[in-house]
Amino acid sequence: MWNKDELKGKTDKAKGKIKESIGHLTDDERLREEGAQDQGAGTVEETVGKGRRKVGETVEDLGDSIKK
């Protein structure tokens, strides 16, 4: 299950892709660049979220192992 960071990252990536596409269609360099930046930020945020989720799963598994 995705956490809030992963979800926000995916949303930012999609938003960036849309902005970049509109920038290409309208020949708006600023919008293209802003879209590319949003995609980059989304990728970073999604990666952080995945890492956080993996750490949480590992801690949870460790806790389950200790209880047994």
N, C-alpha and C. Protein backbone atom coordinates (compact mmCIF):
# COMPACT_ATOMS: atom_id res chain seq x y z
N MET A 1 0.85 -1.18 0.00
CA MET A 1 0.00 0.00 0.00
C MET A 1 0.89 1.24 0.00
N TRP A 2 0.53 2.18 -0.80
CA TRP A 2 1.31 3.43 -0.88
C TRP A 2 1.12 4.26 0.37
N ASN A 3 2.19 4.97 0.75
CA ASN A 3 2.06 5.91 1.85
C ASN A 3 1.87 7.31 1.26
N LYS A 4 1.72 8.30 2.13
CA LYS A 4 1.40 9.65 1.65
C LYS A 4 2.52 10.24 0.78
N ASP A 5 3.77 9.92 1.08
CA ASP A 5 4.88 10.43 0.28
C ASP A 5 4.87 9.84 -1.13
N GLU A 6 4.62 8.54 -1.21
CA GLU A 6 4.56 7.90 -2.52
C GLU A 6 3.41 8.47 -3.35
N LEU A 7 2.26 8.63 -2.72
CA LEU A 7 1.09 9.16 -3.41
C LEU A 7 1.34 10.58 -3.90
N LYS A 8 1.91 11.43 -3.04
CA LYS A 8 2.19 12.81 -3.43
C LYS A 8 3.22 12.84 -4.56
N GLY A 9 4.22 11.96 -4.48
CA GLY A 9 5.23 11.89 -5.53
C GLY A 9 4.62 11.50 -6.87
N LYS A 10 3.76 10.51 -6.86
CA LYS A 10 3.10 10.08 -8.09
C LYS A 10 2.22 11.21 -8.66
N THR A 11 1.54 11.91 -7.76
CA THR A 11 0.69 13.03 -8.18
C THR A 11 1.53 14.14 -8.79
N ASP A 12 2.65 14.47 -8.15
CA ASP A 12 3.52 15.52 -8.66
C ASP A 12 4.12 15.14 -10.01
N LYS A 13 4.47 13.87 -10.17
CA LYS A 13 5.01 13.41 -11.45
C LYS A 13 3.97 13.55 -12.56
N ALA A 14 2.73 13.16 -12.26
CA ALA A 14 1.66 13.27 -13.26
C ALA A 14 1.38 14.73 -13.59
N LYS A 15 1.34 15.56 -12.56
CA LYS A 15 1.10 17.00 -12.76
C LYS A 15 2.21 17.61 -13.61
N GLY A 16 3.45 17.20 -13.33
CA GLY A 16 4.58 17.70 -14.10
C GLY A 16 4.53 17.27 -15.55
N LYS A 17 4.12 16.03 -15.78
CA LYS A 17 4.03 15.52 -17.16
C LYS A 17 2.97 16.32 -17.94
N ILE A 18 1.86 16.62 -17.28
CA ILE A 18 0.80 17.40 -17.93
C ILE A 18 1.30 18.80 -18.25
N LYS A 19 1.96 19.44 -17.27
CA LYS A 19 2.49 20.79 -17.50
C LYS A 19 3.49 20.80 -18.65
N GLU A 20 4.37 19.80 -18.65
CA GLU A 20 5.39 19.73 -19.69
C GLU A 20 4.75 19.54 -21.07
N SER A 21 3.73 18.70 -21.14
CA SER A 21 3.04 18.47 -22.40
C SER A 21 2.34 19.73 -22.89
N ILE A 22 1.68 20.42 -21.98
CA ILE A 22 1.00 21.67 -22.35
C ILE A 22 2.04 22.70 -22.78
N GLY A 23 3.17 22.72 -22.10
CA GLY A 23 4.24 23.64 -22.49
C GLY A 23 4.75 23.37 -23.89
N HIS A 24 4.85 22.10 -24.27
CA HIS A 24 5.26 21.74 -25.62
C HIS A 24 4.21 22.18 -26.64
N LEU A 25 2.94 21.95 -26.30
CA LEU A 25 1.86 22.30 -27.22
C LEU A 25 1.74 23.80 -27.44
N THR A 26 1.95 24.57 -26.37
CA THR A 26 1.79 26.02 -26.45
C THR A 26 3.12 26.74 -26.69
N ASP A 27 4.19 25.97 -26.81
CA ASP A 27 5.53 26.52 -27.00
C ASP A 27 5.90 27.47 -25.85
N ASP A 28 5.56 27.05 -24.63
CA ASP A 28 5.84 27.82 -23.42
C ASP A 28 7.00 27.16 -22.68
N GLU A 29 8.18 27.73 -22.83
CA GLU A 29 9.38 27.14 -22.24
C GLU A 29 9.31 27.11 -20.72
N ARG A 30 8.76 28.15 -20.10
CA ARG A 30 8.66 28.21 -18.65
C ARG A 30 7.80 27.06 -18.12
N LEU A 31 6.69 26.80 -18.78
CA LEU A 31 5.79 25.73 -18.36
C LEU A 31 6.44 24.35 -18.55
N ARG A 32 7.18 24.20 -19.63
CA ARG A 32 7.91 22.94 -19.87
C ARG A 32 8.92 22.70 -18.74
N GLU A 33 9.68 23.73 -18.40
CA GLU A 33 10.69 23.60 -17.35
C GLU A 33 10.05 23.33 -15.99
N GLU A 34 8.96 24.01 -15.72
CA GLU A 34 8.25 23.81 -14.45
C GLU A 34 7.73 22.38 -14.37
N GLY A 35 7.23 21.87 -15.47
CA GLY A 35 6.76 20.49 -15.52
C GLY A 35 7.88 19.50 -15.27
N ALA A 36 9.03 19.75 -15.87
CA ALA A 36 10.18 18.86 -15.67
C ALA A 36 10.63 18.90 -14.21
N GLN A 37 10.61 20.07 -13.60
CA GLN A 37 10.99 20.19 -12.19
C GLN A 37 9.99 19.46 -11.29
N ASP A 38 8.71 19.58 -11.60
CA ASP A 38 7.68 18.87 -10.82
C ASP A 38 7.88 17.36 -10.92
N GLN A 39 8.21 16.90 -12.11
CA GLN A 39 8.44 15.47 -12.29
C GLN A 39 9.65 15.00 -11.47
N GLY A 40 10.70 15.78 -11.49
CA GLY A 40 11.89 15.44 -10.70
C GLY A 40 11.60 15.41 -9.22
N ALA A 41 10.88 16.42 -8.74
CA ALA A 41 10.52 16.48 -7.32
C ALA A 41 9.61 15.30 -6.96
N GLY A 42 8.71 14.96 -7.86
CA GLY A 42 7.82 13.83 -7.62
C GLY A 42 8.57 12.52 -7.53
N THR A 43 9.57 12.36 -8.39
CA THR A 43 10.38 11.15 -8.36
C THR A 43 11.12 11.01 -7.04
N VAL A 44 11.69 12.13 -6.58
CA VAL A 44 12.42 12.11 -5.30
C VAL A 44 11.45 11.78 -4.17
N GLU A 45 10.32 12.43 -4.15
CA GLU A 45 9.36 12.21 -3.07
C GLU A 45 8.83 10.77 -3.07
N GLU A 46 8.59 10.24 -4.26
CA GLU A 46 8.13 8.86 -4.37
C GLU A 46 9.21 7.88 -3.86
N THR A 47 10.46 8.15 -4.18
CA THR A 47 11.57 7.30 -3.74
C THR A 47 11.71 7.34 -2.22
N VAL A 48 11.58 8.52 -1.65
CA VAL A 48 11.64 8.66 -0.19
C VAL A 48 10.49 7.87 0.44
N GLY A 49 9.32 7.98 -0.15
CA GLY A 49 8.17 7.25 0.36
C GLY A 49 8.36 5.74 0.31
N LYS A 50 8.92 5.26 -0.79
CA LYS A 50 9.18 3.82 -0.91
C LYS A 50 10.18 3.37 0.16
N GLY A 51 11.22 4.16 0.36
CA GLY A 51 12.21 3.84 1.39
C GLY A 51 11.59 3.81 2.77
N ARG A 52 10.75 4.81 3.05
CA ARG A 52 10.09 4.88 4.35
C ARG A 52 9.17 3.66 4.55
N ARG A 53 8.48 3.27 3.49
CA ARG A 53 7.58 2.11 3.58
C ARG A 53 8.38 0.83 3.84
N LYS A 54 9.49 0.68 3.13
CA LYS A 54 10.33 -0.52 3.31
C LYS A 54 10.87 -0.59 4.74
N VAL A 55 11.31 0.54 5.28
CA VAL A 55 11.81 0.56 6.66
C VAL A 55 10.68 0.18 7.61
N GLY A 56 9.51 0.73 7.39
CA GLY A 56 8.36 0.41 8.24
C GLY A 56 8.01 -1.06 8.19
N GLU A 57 8.04 -1.64 6.98
CA GLU A 57 7.74 -3.07 6.84
C GLU A 57 8.79 -3.92 7.56
N THR A 58 10.05 -3.51 7.46
CA THR A 58 11.12 -4.25 8.11
C THR A 58 10.97 -4.20 9.62
N VAL A 59 10.68 -3.03 10.16
CA VAL A 59 10.48 -2.88 11.61
C VAL A 59 9.28 -3.71 12.05
N GLU A 60 8.24 -3.70 11.26
CA GLU A 60 7.05 -4.49 11.59
C GLU A 60 7.36 -6.00 11.59
N ASP A 61 8.10 -6.44 10.58
CA ASP A 61 8.49 -7.85 10.51
C ASP A 61 9.40 -8.22 11.69
N LEU A 62 10.30 -7.33 12.04
CA LEU A 62 11.18 -7.57 13.17
C LEU A 62 10.38 -7.68 14.46
N GLY A 63 9.41 -6.82 14.62
CA GLY A 63 8.54 -6.87 15.79
C GLY A 63 7.76 -8.18 15.86
N ASP A 64 7.28 -8.64 14.70
CA ASP A 64 6.55 -9.91 14.66
C ASP A 64 7.48 -11.07 15.03
N SER A 65 8.73 -11.00 14.58
CA SER A 65 9.70 -12.06 14.89
C SER A 65 10.00 -12.11 16.38
N ILE A 66 10.10 -10.96 16.98
CA ILE A 66 10.41 -10.88 18.41
C ILE A 66 9.25 -11.43 19.24
N LYS A 67 8.03 -11.18 18.80
CA LYS A 67 6.84 -11.64 19.55
C LYS A 67 6.73 -13.15 19.55
N LYS A 68 7.28 -13.82 18.54
CA LYS A 68 7.14 -15.28 18.43
C LYS A 68 8.03 -16.01 19.33
